[in-house]
Amino acid sequence: MLTEKFDAYGEVLPAAARDGRETGRTASAVLGRVGKLAFWLLVVVIVAARVIWYPAAPAFDVGSASTPKQAITR
């Protein structure tokens, strides 16, 4: 969909500026992409480290009610 582009004073920009060439990315757009990539890479590394070094099973022994290790009486 073609739309008219205007400058800061409301004048229509010349057609030469809209000849279909792709404009270069600004530095802030590139840095935004790099920042998002670094964030998600850090998330993946943290989750992978959590999976590798910490087991999913609990570290303590869960006893059953039929074989109590100690009886509490009053």
N, C-alpha and C. Protein backbone atom coordinates (compact mmCIF):
# COMPACT_ATOMS: atom_id res chain seq x y z
N MET A 1 0.84 -1.16 0.00
CA MET A 1 0.00 0.00 0.00
C MET A 1 0.90 1.24 0.00
N LEU A 2 0.71 2.10 -0.94
CA LEU A 2 1.50 3.30 -1.05
C LEU A 2 0.85 4.42 -0.24
N THR A 3 1.66 5.11 0.50
CA THR A 3 1.16 6.25 1.26
C THR A 3 2.05 7.44 0.96
N GLU A 4 1.49 8.63 1.08
CA GLU A 4 2.26 9.85 0.90
C GLU A 4 3.10 10.07 2.14
N LYS A 5 4.30 10.56 1.93
CA LYS A 5 5.18 10.89 3.04
C LYS A 5 5.38 12.40 3.07
N PHE A 6 5.38 12.93 4.28
CA PHE A 6 5.47 14.37 4.46
C PHE A 6 6.68 14.73 5.30
N ASP A 7 7.22 15.93 5.09
CA ASP A 7 8.31 16.40 5.91
C ASP A 7 7.76 17.10 7.15
N ALA A 8 8.63 17.70 7.95
CA ALA A 8 8.22 18.32 9.21
C ALA A 8 7.29 19.51 9.01
N TYR A 9 7.30 20.12 7.82
CA TYR A 9 6.48 21.31 7.57
C TYR A 9 5.20 20.98 6.80
N GLY A 10 4.93 19.70 6.56
CA GLY A 10 3.70 19.30 5.89
C GLY A 10 3.80 19.19 4.39
N GLU A 11 4.98 19.42 3.84
CA GLU A 11 5.15 19.31 2.39
C GLU A 11 5.35 17.85 2.01
N VAL A 12 4.84 17.47 0.85
CA VAL A 12 5.02 16.11 0.36
C VAL A 12 6.47 15.91 -0.05
N LEU A 13 7.04 14.81 0.37
CA LEU A 13 8.42 14.51 0.01
C LEU A 13 8.50 14.17 -1.47
N PRO A 14 9.61 14.50 -2.11
CA PRO A 14 9.72 14.20 -3.54
C PRO A 14 9.70 12.70 -3.83
N ALA A 15 9.25 12.37 -5.02
CA ALA A 15 9.13 10.97 -5.42
C ALA A 15 10.49 10.30 -5.54
N ALA A 16 11.55 11.07 -5.71
CA ALA A 16 12.89 10.50 -5.85
C ALA A 16 13.31 9.79 -4.57
N ALA A 17 12.83 10.25 -3.44
CA ALA A 17 13.18 9.61 -2.17
C ALA A 17 12.43 8.29 -2.00
N ARG A 18 11.37 8.09 -2.77
CA ARG A 18 10.57 6.86 -2.66
C ARG A 18 10.72 5.99 -3.89
N ASP A 19 11.94 5.83 -4.39
CA ASP A 19 12.13 5.07 -5.63
C ASP A 19 12.26 3.58 -5.39
N GLY A 20 11.95 3.08 -4.21
CA GLY A 20 11.96 1.64 -3.97
C GLY A 20 13.23 1.14 -3.32
N ARG A 21 14.24 1.99 -3.22
CA ARG A 21 15.46 1.54 -2.56
C ARG A 21 15.20 1.43 -1.06
N GLU A 22 15.80 0.41 -0.48
CA GLU A 22 15.64 0.20 0.96
C GLU A 22 16.63 1.10 1.69
N THR A 23 16.12 1.83 2.65
CA THR A 23 17.00 2.71 3.41
C THR A 23 17.78 1.89 4.43
N GLY A 24 18.93 2.38 4.83
CA GLY A 24 19.76 1.69 5.80
C GLY A 24 19.13 1.71 7.19
N ARG A 25 19.52 0.73 7.99
CA ARG A 25 19.00 0.67 9.35
C ARG A 25 19.72 1.70 10.21
N THR A 26 18.98 2.25 11.14
CA THR A 26 19.61 3.19 12.05
C THR A 26 20.38 2.42 13.12
N ALA A 27 21.28 3.11 13.76
CA ALA A 27 22.11 2.47 14.79
C ALA A 27 21.25 1.99 15.95
N SER A 28 20.21 2.74 16.31
CA SER A 28 19.38 2.34 17.44
C SER A 28 18.60 1.07 17.13
N ALA A 29 18.18 0.90 15.88
CA ALA A 29 17.46 -0.33 15.50
C ALA A 29 18.39 -1.53 15.58
N VAL A 30 19.62 -1.35 15.13
CA VAL A 30 20.60 -2.43 15.17
C VAL A 30 20.93 -2.78 16.62
N LEU A 31 21.14 -1.76 17.45
CA LEU A 31 21.44 -2.01 18.86
C LEU A 31 20.26 -2.64 19.58
N GLY A 32 19.05 -2.29 19.19
CA GLY A 32 17.87 -2.92 19.77
C GLY A 32 17.81 -4.41 19.45
N ARG A 33 18.12 -4.75 18.21
CA ARG A 33 18.16 -6.16 17.82
C ARG A 33 19.25 -6.92 18.56
N VAL A 34 20.43 -6.30 18.68
CA VAL A 34 21.55 -6.94 19.39
C VAL A 34 21.20 -7.13 20.86
N GLY A 35 20.55 -6.15 21.46
CA GLY A 35 20.14 -6.26 22.85
C GLY A 35 19.14 -7.38 23.07
N LYS A 36 18.17 -7.50 22.18
CA LYS A 36 17.19 -8.59 22.29
C LYS A 36 17.87 -9.95 22.12
N LEU A 37 18.79 -10.03 21.19
CA LEU A 37 19.52 -11.28 20.97
C LEU A 37 20.34 -11.65 22.20
N ALA A 38 21.02 -10.67 22.79
CA ALA A 38 21.83 -10.94 23.98
C ALA A 38 20.95 -11.37 25.15
N PHE A 39 19.79 -10.74 25.32
CA PHE A 39 18.87 -11.11 26.40
C PHE A 39 18.40 -12.55 26.25
N TRP A 40 17.92 -12.93 25.08
CA TRP A 40 17.40 -14.28 24.89
C TRP A 40 18.52 -15.32 24.94
N LEU A 41 19.70 -14.96 24.50
CA LEU A 41 20.84 -15.87 24.62
C LEU A 41 21.16 -16.12 26.09
N LEU A 42 21.11 -15.07 26.90
CA LEU A 42 21.34 -15.21 28.34
C LEU A 42 20.26 -16.08 28.98
N VAL A 43 19.03 -15.90 28.57
CA VAL A 43 17.93 -16.73 29.10
C VAL A 43 18.17 -18.20 28.78
N VAL A 44 18.55 -18.50 27.55
CA VAL A 44 18.81 -19.88 27.14
C VAL A 44 19.98 -20.47 27.92
N VAL A 45 21.03 -19.70 28.12
CA VAL A 45 22.19 -20.18 28.87
C VAL A 45 21.82 -20.47 30.31
N ILE A 46 21.06 -19.60 30.95
CA ILE A 46 20.67 -19.80 32.34
C ILE A 46 19.78 -21.03 32.48
N VAL A 47 18.81 -21.18 31.60
CA VAL A 47 17.92 -22.35 31.67
C VAL A 47 18.70 -23.63 31.40
N ALA A 48 19.60 -23.61 30.43
CA ALA A 48 20.41 -24.80 30.14
C ALA A 48 21.29 -25.16 31.33
N ALA A 49 21.89 -24.16 31.98
CA ALA A 49 22.72 -24.43 33.16
C ALA A 49 21.86 -25.00 34.29
N ARG A 50 20.66 -24.50 34.44
CA ARG A 50 19.75 -25.01 35.47
C ARG A 50 19.40 -26.47 35.21
N VAL A 51 19.16 -26.81 33.97
CA VAL A 51 18.81 -28.19 33.62
C VAL A 51 20.00 -29.12 33.82
N ILE A 52 21.19 -28.66 33.46
CA ILE A 52 22.38 -29.52 33.53
C ILE A 52 22.85 -29.74 34.96
N TRP A 53 22.96 -28.66 35.75
CA TRP A 53 23.61 -28.79 37.06
C TRP A 53 22.67 -29.05 38.24
N TYR A 54 21.40 -28.80 38.09
CA TYR A 54 20.47 -29.03 39.19
C TYR A 54 19.46 -30.09 38.78
N PRO A 55 19.41 -31.21 39.52
CA PRO A 55 18.48 -32.29 39.15
C PRO A 55 17.03 -31.89 39.41
N ALA A 56 16.15 -32.52 38.69
CA ALA A 56 14.73 -32.24 38.88
C ALA A 56 14.18 -32.91 40.13
N ALA A 57 14.82 -33.99 40.57
CA ALA A 57 14.37 -34.70 41.76
C ALA A 57 14.75 -33.89 43.00
N PRO A 58 13.93 -33.97 44.04
CA PRO A 58 14.28 -33.22 45.25
C PRO A 58 15.52 -33.81 45.92
N ALA A 59 16.25 -32.99 46.64
CA ALA A 59 17.49 -33.41 47.26
C ALA A 59 17.27 -34.09 48.60
N PHE A 60 16.05 -34.12 49.09
CA PHE A 60 15.77 -34.75 50.37
C PHE A 60 14.95 -36.02 50.16
N ASP A 61 14.97 -36.87 51.16
CA ASP A 61 14.26 -38.15 51.07
C ASP A 61 12.86 -37.98 51.68
N VAL A 62 11.88 -38.25 50.89
CA VAL A 62 10.50 -38.13 51.37
C VAL A 62 10.07 -39.50 51.89
N GLY A 63 9.81 -39.58 53.17
CA GLY A 63 9.39 -40.84 53.78
C GLY A 63 7.89 -41.06 53.61
N SER A 64 7.47 -42.26 53.90
CA SER A 64 6.05 -42.54 53.81
C SER A 64 5.43 -42.49 55.20
N ALA A 65 4.14 -42.44 55.28
CA ALA A 65 3.44 -42.34 56.56
C ALA A 65 3.47 -43.68 57.29
N SER A 66 3.63 -44.79 56.57
CA SER A 66 3.62 -46.11 57.21
C SER A 66 4.94 -46.42 57.93
N THR A 67 6.03 -45.80 57.53
CA THR A 67 7.31 -46.04 58.18
C THR A 67 7.90 -44.72 58.67
N PRO A 68 7.34 -44.19 59.75
CA PRO A 68 7.89 -42.93 60.23
C PRO A 68 9.25 -43.11 60.89
N LYS A 69 10.15 -42.17 60.66
CA LYS A 69 11.48 -42.28 61.24
C LYS A 69 11.47 -41.89 62.72
N GLN A 70 10.56 -41.01 63.08
CA GLN A 70 10.46 -40.64 64.48
C GLN A 70 9.00 -40.39 64.80
N ALA A 71 8.58 -40.81 65.92
CA ALA A 71 7.19 -40.63 66.33
C ALA A 71 7.12 -39.45 67.29
N ILE A 72 6.16 -38.62 67.02
CA ILE A 72 5.97 -37.47 67.91
C ILE A 72 4.77 -37.79 68.79
N THR A 73 5.00 -37.79 70.09
CA THR A 73 3.91 -38.08 71.03
C THR A 73 3.82 -36.94 72.04
N ARG A 74 2.65 -36.79 72.58
CA ARG A 74 2.45 -35.74 73.58
C ARG A 74 2.09 -36.36 74.89
